[in-house]
Amino acid sequence: MKNAPDKFLSMIRSARRGRHKIYLGYCAGVGKTYQMLMEAHRLRDEENLDVVIGILETHGRDETEACRGSLEEIPRKKFSYRNIEITEMDVPSILKRRPQVVLVDELAHTNAPGSKNQKRYQDVEEILEAGIHVISTLNVQHLESLYEIVEKNTGVKVRERIPDWVITHADEVVNVDISVPDLLTRVRTGRVYPAERIETALTHFFKDSNLQQLRELTLRELAAQLDIKFRENAENSAAEESTNPDQVLVCLSSRSPNANALLRYGSRLAGRLNRNWYALYVQTFREDTTKIDAETQRYLSNTLSLARQVGATVFIFKSDQVVETILQFAKEHRVGHIVIGPSARKLSWWDRLFGKTTLLEKLTMDNHHFKIVVTENDVE
Protein backbone atom coordinates (compact mmCIF):
# COMPACT_ATOMS: atom_id res chain seq x y z
CA MET A 1 0.00 0.00 0.00
CA LYS A 2 3.05 2.31 0.17
CA ASN A 3 2.85 3.67 -3.39
CA ALA A 4 -0.85 4.50 -3.29
CA PRO A 5 -0.62 7.07 -0.46
CA ASP A 6 2.51 8.57 -2.03
CA LYS A 7 0.69 9.19 -5.29
CA PHE A 8 -2.24 10.79 -3.51
CA LEU A 9 0.16 12.86 -1.39
CA SER A 10 1.79 14.32 -4.50
CA MET A 11 -1.62 15.26 -5.88
CA ILE A 12 -2.57 16.93 -2.60
CA ARG A 13 0.50 19.15 -2.69
CA SER A 14 -0.12 20.31 -6.27
CA ALA A 15 -3.89 20.87 -6.21
CA ARG A 16 -6.14 23.88 -5.87
CA ARG A 17 -9.47 22.07 -6.04
CA GLY A 18 -9.57 19.24 -3.58
CA ARG A 19 -8.43 15.83 -4.77
CA HIS A 20 -10.66 12.80 -4.33
CA LYS A 21 -9.46 9.30 -3.58
CA ILE A 22 -11.89 6.39 -3.37
CA TYR A 23 -11.32 3.02 -1.72
CA LEU A 24 -13.53 0.71 -3.78
CA GLY A 25 -14.61 -2.75 -2.64
CA TYR A 26 -16.96 -5.46 -3.79
CA CYS A 27 -18.84 -5.83 -0.51
CA ALA A 28 -19.11 -4.74 3.11
CA GLY A 29 -16.36 -6.21 5.25
CA VAL A 30 -13.50 -6.28 2.73
CA GLY A 31 -11.60 -3.58 4.64
CA LYS A 32 -12.24 -0.28 2.84
CA THR A 33 -12.79 1.80 5.97
CA TYR A 34 -9.84 0.17 7.71
CA GLN A 35 -7.51 1.02 4.80
CA MET A 36 -8.84 4.58 4.70
CA LEU A 37 -8.08 5.03 8.39
CA MET A 38 -4.61 3.51 8.01
CA GLU A 39 -3.80 6.01 5.29
CA ALA A 40 -5.16 8.86 7.40
CA HIS A 41 -2.78 7.97 10.24
CA ARG A 42 0.13 7.84 7.82
CA LEU A 43 -0.69 11.22 6.25
CA ARG A 44 -1.03 12.79 9.68
CA ASP A 45 1.88 11.13 11.48
CA GLU A 46 4.47 10.80 8.72
CA GLU A 47 3.57 13.66 6.35
CA ASN A 48 2.32 16.15 8.96
CA LEU A 49 -0.94 16.78 7.15
CA ASP A 50 -4.05 18.05 8.93
CA VAL A 51 -6.44 15.09 8.66
CA VAL A 52 -9.90 14.83 10.21
CA ILE A 53 -12.82 12.41 10.09
CA GLY A 54 -15.87 13.92 8.42
CA ILE A 55 -18.05 10.83 8.84
CA LEU A 56 -17.11 7.33 9.95
CA GLU A 57 -19.38 4.28 10.04
CA THR A 58 -17.67 1.54 12.07
CA HIS A 59 -20.84 -0.59 12.47
CA GLY A 60 -19.45 -1.73 15.80
CA ARG A 61 -16.50 -3.56 14.25
CA ASP A 62 -13.72 -3.80 16.82
CA GLU A 63 -10.87 -3.60 14.30
CA THR A 64 -12.29 -0.47 12.72
CA GLU A 65 -13.01 1.15 16.08
CA ALA A 66 -9.43 0.48 17.18
CA CYS A 67 -8.03 1.92 13.95
CA ARG A 68 -9.85 5.21 14.53
CA GLY A 69 -7.31 5.91 17.27
CA SER A 70 -6.68 9.57 18.03
CA LEU A 71 -7.87 10.97 14.69
CA GLU A 72 -9.90 14.13 15.16
CA GLU A 73 -13.57 13.73 14.25
CA ILE A 74 -15.88 16.60 13.31
CA PRO A 75 -19.06 16.25 15.44
CA ARG A 76 -22.07 15.17 13.45
CA LYS A 77 -25.03 17.41 12.74
CA LYS A 78 -28.26 16.28 14.40
CA PHE A 79 -31.67 16.13 12.71
CA SER A 80 -35.09 15.30 14.08
CA TYR A 81 -37.22 13.35 11.62
CA ARG A 82 -40.59 11.96 12.70
CA ASN A 83 -39.48 12.25 16.32
CA ILE A 84 -36.34 10.22 15.60
CA GLU A 85 -32.91 11.80 16.05
CA ILE A 86 -30.67 11.28 13.01
CA THR A 87 -27.07 12.39 12.61
CA GLU A 88 -25.26 13.32 9.39
CA MET A 89 -21.91 14.73 8.33
CA ASP A 90 -21.65 18.43 9.24
CA VAL A 91 -20.36 20.00 6.03
CA PRO A 92 -20.46 23.65 7.23
CA SER A 93 -18.33 22.71 10.24
CA ILE A 94 -15.83 20.92 7.98
CA LEU A 95 -15.60 23.94 5.69
CA LYS A 96 -15.11 26.22 8.71
CA ARG A 97 -12.45 23.92 10.20
CA ARG A 98 -10.66 23.69 6.81
CA PRO A 99 -8.48 20.60 7.29
CA GLN A 100 -6.21 19.51 4.47
CA VAL A 101 -7.79 16.05 4.23
CA VAL A 102 -11.19 14.79 5.37
CA LEU A 103 -12.36 11.17 5.55
CA VAL A 104 -15.87 10.42 4.26
CA ASP A 105 -17.16 6.89 4.72
CA GLU A 106 -19.96 5.29 2.64
CA LEU A 107 -20.04 7.65 -0.31
CA ALA A 108 -23.38 6.38 -1.66
CA HIS A 109 -25.27 7.23 1.54
CA THR A 110 -28.59 9.10 1.26
CA ASN A 111 -28.79 12.02 3.67
CA ALA A 112 -31.63 12.55 6.11
CA PRO A 113 -34.63 14.65 5.03
CA GLY A 114 -33.89 18.30 5.71
CA SER A 115 -30.23 18.06 4.70
CA LYS A 116 -28.93 20.58 2.18
CA ASN A 117 -27.89 17.81 -0.22
CA GLN A 118 -29.81 14.63 -0.89
CA LYS A 119 -26.70 12.46 -1.26
CA ARG A 120 -23.37 12.28 0.52
CA TYR A 121 -21.39 12.44 -2.73
CA GLN A 122 -22.91 15.92 -3.23
CA ASP A 123 -21.54 16.90 0.19
CA VAL A 124 -18.16 15.68 -1.00
CA GLU A 125 -18.39 17.89 -4.10
CA GLU A 126 -18.87 20.91 -1.84
CA ILE A 127 -15.84 19.96 0.20
CA LEU A 128 -13.69 19.41 -2.90
CA GLU A 129 -14.74 22.77 -4.36
CA ALA A 130 -13.50 24.41 -1.17
CA GLY A 131 -10.03 23.01 -1.84
CA ILE A 132 -10.20 20.29 0.81
CA HIS A 133 -9.02 16.81 -0.17
CA VAL A 134 -11.29 13.81 0.42
CA ILE A 135 -10.67 10.12 0.96
CA SER A 136 -13.86 8.07 0.77
CA THR A 137 -15.18 4.52 0.52
CA LEU A 138 -17.63 2.86 -1.86
CA ASN A 139 -18.98 -0.58 -2.76
CA VAL A 140 -19.20 -1.34 -6.47
CA GLN A 141 -22.90 -2.29 -6.44
CA HIS A 142 -23.81 1.33 -5.70
CA LEU A 143 -22.78 2.54 -9.18
CA GLU A 144 -25.87 3.59 -11.10
CA SER A 145 -24.92 1.91 -14.37
CA LEU A 146 -24.56 -1.47 -12.65
CA TYR A 147 -28.10 -1.54 -11.23
CA GLU A 148 -29.57 -4.06 -13.69
CA ILE A 149 -26.41 -6.17 -13.76
CA VAL A 150 -26.28 -6.44 -9.95
CA GLU A 151 -29.97 -7.27 -9.72
CA LYS A 152 -29.70 -9.90 -12.47
CA ASN A 153 -26.61 -11.55 -11.02
CA THR A 154 -27.42 -11.38 -7.31
CA GLY A 155 -31.17 -10.82 -7.09
CA VAL A 156 -30.55 -7.72 -4.94
CA LYS A 157 -32.17 -4.35 -5.67
CA VAL A 158 -29.67 -1.68 -4.61
CA ARG A 159 -31.52 1.36 -3.32
CA GLU A 160 -28.64 3.74 -2.71
CA ARG A 161 -26.87 4.55 -5.96
CA ILE A 162 -24.52 7.24 -7.26
CA PRO A 163 -23.77 8.48 -10.80
CA ASP A 164 -20.82 6.83 -12.50
CA TRP A 165 -19.16 10.21 -13.05
CA VAL A 166 -18.34 10.34 -9.33
CA ILE A 167 -15.88 7.48 -9.66
CA THR A 168 -14.77 8.46 -13.17
CA HIS A 169 -13.85 11.96 -11.96
CA ALA A 170 -12.04 10.68 -8.88
CA ASP A 171 -8.31 11.36 -8.94
CA GLU A 172 -7.45 7.91 -7.63
CA VAL A 173 -9.41 4.68 -7.17
CA VAL A 174 -7.91 1.90 -5.05
CA ASN A 175 -9.29 -1.63 -5.05
CA VAL A 176 -9.61 -3.16 -1.58
CA ASP A 177 -9.82 -6.86 -2.25
CA ILE A 178 -9.81 -10.09 -0.29
CA SER A 179 -10.78 -13.56 -1.43
CA VAL A 180 -14.40 -14.64 -1.08
CA PRO A 181 -13.52 -17.49 1.37
CA ASP A 182 -11.63 -15.01 3.55
CA LEU A 183 -14.58 -12.60 3.54
CA LEU A 184 -16.99 -15.40 4.48
CA THR A 185 -14.67 -16.34 7.34
CA ARG A 186 -14.79 -12.75 8.56
CA VAL A 187 -18.59 -12.86 8.50
CA ARG A 188 -18.81 -16.20 10.31
CA THR A 189 -16.40 -15.08 13.04
CA GLY A 190 -18.35 -11.90 13.79
CA ARG A 191 -15.86 -9.43 12.30
CA VAL A 192 -18.44 -7.92 9.92
CA TYR A 193 -21.82 -8.20 11.67
CA PRO A 194 -22.92 -8.87 15.27
CA ALA A 195 -23.81 -12.45 16.17
CA GLU A 196 -27.56 -12.02 15.72
CA ARG A 197 -27.13 -10.92 12.08
CA ILE A 198 -24.58 -13.48 10.91
CA GLU A 199 -26.94 -16.27 9.85
CA THR A 200 -29.24 -13.88 7.98
CA ALA A 201 -26.29 -12.35 6.15
CA LEU A 202 -24.89 -15.73 5.10
CA THR A 203 -28.24 -17.03 3.81
CA HIS A 204 -29.13 -13.89 1.87
CA PHE A 205 -26.61 -11.42 0.47
CA PHE A 206 -23.37 -13.12 1.52
CA LYS A 207 -23.73 -16.15 -0.72
CA ASP A 208 -20.59 -17.40 -2.44
CA SER A 209 -22.09 -16.86 -5.91
CA ASN A 210 -23.16 -13.28 -5.11
CA LEU A 211 -19.75 -12.35 -3.78
CA GLN A 212 -17.93 -13.88 -6.74
CA GLN A 213 -20.11 -11.88 -9.14
CA LEU A 214 -19.55 -8.63 -7.25
CA ARG A 215 -15.82 -9.22 -7.03
CA GLU A 216 -15.68 -9.74 -10.78
CA LEU A 217 -17.69 -6.54 -11.36
CA THR A 218 -15.25 -4.62 -9.18
CA LEU A 219 -12.23 -5.88 -11.09
CA ARG A 220 -13.92 -5.02 -14.38
CA GLU A 221 -14.75 -1.53 -13.10
CA LEU A 222 -11.16 -0.95 -12.02
CA ALA A 223 -9.92 -2.13 -15.40
CA ALA A 224 -12.30 0.29 -17.11
CA GLN A 225 -11.07 3.17 -14.92
CA LEU A 226 -7.44 2.36 -15.69
CA ASP A 227 -8.26 2.30 -19.38
CA ILE A 228 -9.91 5.70 -19.14
CA LYS A 229 -6.91 7.19 -17.36
CA PHE A 230 -4.57 5.64 -19.92
CA ARG A 231 -6.54 7.16 -22.78
CA GLU A 232 -6.59 10.55 -21.08
CA ASN A 233 -2.82 10.52 -20.72
CA ALA A 234 -2.06 9.24 -24.21
CA GLU A 235 0.05 11.70 -26.17
CA ASN A 236 -2.01 11.26 -29.31
CA SER A 237 -5.41 11.74 -27.62
CA ALA A 238 -6.06 15.07 -29.33
CA ALA A 239 -5.38 13.66 -32.79
CA GLU A 240 -7.40 10.57 -32.02
CA GLU A 241 -10.35 12.70 -30.90
CA SER A 242 -10.35 14.67 -34.14
CA THR A 243 -10.31 11.65 -36.44
CA ASN A 244 -12.31 9.00 -34.57
CA PRO A 245 -16.05 9.73 -34.29
CA ASP A 246 -16.73 7.45 -31.36
CA GLN A 247 -19.21 9.43 -29.25
CA VAL A 248 -22.18 7.42 -27.98
CA LEU A 249 -25.84 8.25 -28.61
CA VAL A 250 -28.74 6.63 -26.73
CA CYS A 251 -32.13 7.01 -28.42
CA LEU A 252 -35.14 7.37 -26.13
CA SER A 253 -38.88 7.34 -26.61
CA SER A 254 -41.69 8.53 -24.36
CA ARG A 255 -42.52 5.01 -23.12
CA SER A 256 -39.47 2.91 -23.89
CA PRO A 257 -39.88 -0.27 -21.78
CA ASN A 258 -36.14 -0.58 -21.16
CA ALA A 259 -35.04 3.07 -21.05
CA ASN A 260 -33.13 2.68 -17.77
CA ALA A 261 -31.18 -0.30 -19.08
CA LEU A 262 -30.42 1.58 -22.31
CA LEU A 263 -29.03 4.53 -20.39
CA ARG A 264 -26.89 2.43 -18.09
CA TYR A 265 -25.53 0.50 -21.06
CA GLY A 266 -24.76 3.76 -22.84
CA SER A 267 -22.98 5.07 -19.76
CA ARG A 268 -20.73 2.03 -19.53
CA LEU A 269 -20.05 1.94 -23.27
CA ALA A 270 -19.02 5.61 -23.23
CA GLY A 271 -16.85 4.92 -20.19
CA ARG A 272 -15.04 2.07 -21.94
CA LEU A 273 -14.50 4.21 -25.03
CA ASN A 274 -13.62 7.28 -22.95
CA ARG A 275 -16.01 9.34 -25.05
CA ASN A 276 -18.80 11.84 -24.51
CA TRP A 277 -22.30 10.50 -24.76
CA TYR A 278 -25.75 11.85 -25.47
CA ALA A 279 -29.36 10.92 -24.81
CA LEU A 280 -31.75 12.01 -27.56
CA TYR A 281 -35.54 12.15 -27.39
CA VAL A 282 -37.33 13.09 -30.61
CA GLN A 283 -40.81 14.31 -29.73
CA THR A 284 -43.27 13.65 -32.52
CA PHE A 285 -46.48 15.62 -33.05
CA ARG A 286 -48.57 12.90 -31.41
CA GLU A 287 -46.27 12.95 -28.37
CA ASP A 288 -46.78 16.64 -27.65
CA THR A 289 -47.27 17.26 -23.92
CA THR A 290 -50.86 18.32 -24.58
CA LYS A 291 -51.58 14.92 -26.17
CA ILE A 292 -49.93 12.40 -23.84
CA ASP A 293 -51.26 11.40 -20.44
CA ALA A 294 -49.78 12.41 -17.09
CA GLU A 295 -48.31 8.95 -16.46
CA THR A 296 -46.38 9.03 -19.74
CA GLN A 297 -45.15 12.54 -19.02
CA ARG A 298 -43.96 11.43 -15.58
CA TYR A 299 -42.22 8.36 -17.04
CA LEU A 300 -40.46 10.49 -19.65
CA SER A 301 -39.40 13.06 -17.06
CA ASN A 302 -37.91 10.34 -14.86
CA THR A 303 -36.09 8.84 -17.84
CA LEU A 304 -34.51 12.16 -18.83
CA SER A 305 -33.60 12.82 -15.19
CA LEU A 306 -31.81 9.45 -14.99
CA ALA A 307 -30.01 10.23 -18.27
CA ARG A 308 -28.52 13.36 -16.73
CA GLN A 309 -27.71 11.51 -13.52
CA VAL A 310 -25.64 8.85 -15.27
CA GLY A 311 -23.70 11.46 -17.20
CA ALA A 312 -25.47 11.99 -20.53
CA THR A 313 -25.95 15.32 -22.23
CA VAL A 314 -29.68 15.35 -22.97
CA PHE A 315 -31.21 16.73 -26.19
CA ILE A 316 -34.89 17.02 -27.03
CA PHE A 317 -35.98 17.75 -30.60
CA LYS A 318 -39.47 18.12 -32.05
CA SER A 319 -39.94 16.37 -35.37
CA ASP A 320 -42.07 13.75 -37.09
CA GLN A 321 -38.97 12.67 -39.05
CA VAL A 322 -37.50 10.62 -36.21
CA VAL A 323 -34.93 8.57 -38.15
CA GLU A 324 -33.70 11.57 -40.12
CA THR A 325 -33.32 13.57 -36.91
CA ILE A 326 -31.35 10.80 -35.20
CA LEU A 327 -28.97 10.37 -38.14
CA GLN A 328 -28.46 14.11 -38.59
CA PHE A 329 -27.72 14.50 -34.89
CA ALA A 330 -25.28 11.58 -35.01
CA LYS A 331 -23.47 13.13 -37.96
CA GLU A 332 -23.21 16.59 -36.39
CA HIS A 333 -22.03 15.29 -33.02
CA ARG A 334 -19.51 12.78 -34.39
CA VAL A 335 -21.36 9.77 -33.01
CA GLY A 336 -19.85 6.34 -33.60
CA HIS A 337 -22.36 4.18 -31.70
CA ILE A 338 -26.14 4.53 -31.70
CA VAL A 339 -27.79 2.62 -28.84
CA ILE A 340 -31.47 1.81 -29.26
CA GLY A 341 -33.96 -0.68 -27.88
CA PRO A 342 -35.95 -3.17 -29.97
CA SER A 343 -39.06 -1.72 -31.59
CA ALA A 344 -42.01 -1.90 -29.23
CA ARG A 345 -44.41 -1.64 -32.15
CA LYS A 346 -45.07 -4.92 -33.96
CA LEU A 347 -46.26 -4.57 -37.55
CA SER A 348 -49.01 -6.80 -38.90
CA TRP A 349 -48.67 -8.68 -42.17
CA TRP A 350 -51.08 -6.13 -43.63
CA ASP A 351 -48.74 -3.27 -42.72
CA ARG A 352 -45.85 -5.22 -44.19
CA LEU A 353 -47.82 -5.77 -47.37
CA PHE A 354 -48.04 -2.01 -47.84
CA GLY A 355 -44.34 -1.53 -47.18
CA LYS A 356 -44.42 -0.19 -43.64
CA THR A 357 -41.33 -0.64 -41.46
CA THR A 358 -40.49 -0.14 -37.79
CA LEU A 359 -38.32 2.76 -36.66
CA LEU A 360 -35.43 0.39 -35.98
CA GLU A 361 -35.70 -1.17 -39.43
CA LYS A 362 -35.78 2.24 -41.11
CA LEU A 363 -32.84 3.43 -39.03
CA THR A 364 -30.86 0.35 -40.03
CA MET A 365 -31.69 0.76 -43.73
CA ASP A 366 -30.94 4.50 -43.85
CA ASN A 367 -27.75 4.31 -41.81
CA HIS A 368 -24.42 3.95 -43.63
CA HIS A 369 -21.95 5.43 -41.16
CA PHE A 370 -22.72 4.42 -37.58
CA LYS A 371 -22.60 1.26 -35.51
CA ILE A 372 -26.09 0.48 -34.22
CA VAL A 373 -26.35 -1.38 -30.89
CA VAL A 374 -29.75 -2.92 -30.16
CA THR A 375 -30.19 -3.81 -26.51
CA GLU A 376 -32.66 -5.81 -24.47
CA ASN A 377 -33.83 -5.30 -20.87
CA ASP A 378 -30.99 -7.36 -19.41
CA VAL A 379 -28.09 -5.71 -21.22
CA GLU A 380 -24.70 -5.91 -19.56
Foldseek 3Di string as FASTA:
>chain_A
DVVVLVVLVVCLVPDQQAAEEEAEELDFQLQRLVVVLVSQCCCCVVVVFFEAEQDDDQQPFPSNVVSNPPHHYDDWDWDADPNDIDTDGDLVVCLVVPGQEYEEEAQLDADDPPDPDGGNVVSVNVCRRSSHYYYYYYYPCQEQLCQLVLCVQQVDHDDRHAAPVSVLVHPYYHYRDDDLVVSLVCLVVCNRHHPVCSVVCDVHCSDSSSSVSSRVSVVVVVVLSVQLVVLVPDPCNVVCVVPALAEEEEEDELCPPQLSNLLSVNLVVCSSVVHAYAYEYEQEPCNPPVNDDPVSVVSNVVSVVVNVRNHHHYDYHYDPPVLVVVVVVCVVNSHAEYEYEPFPDDDDVVCVVVPDDTSVVVNVVPDDHHHYHYDDNSDD
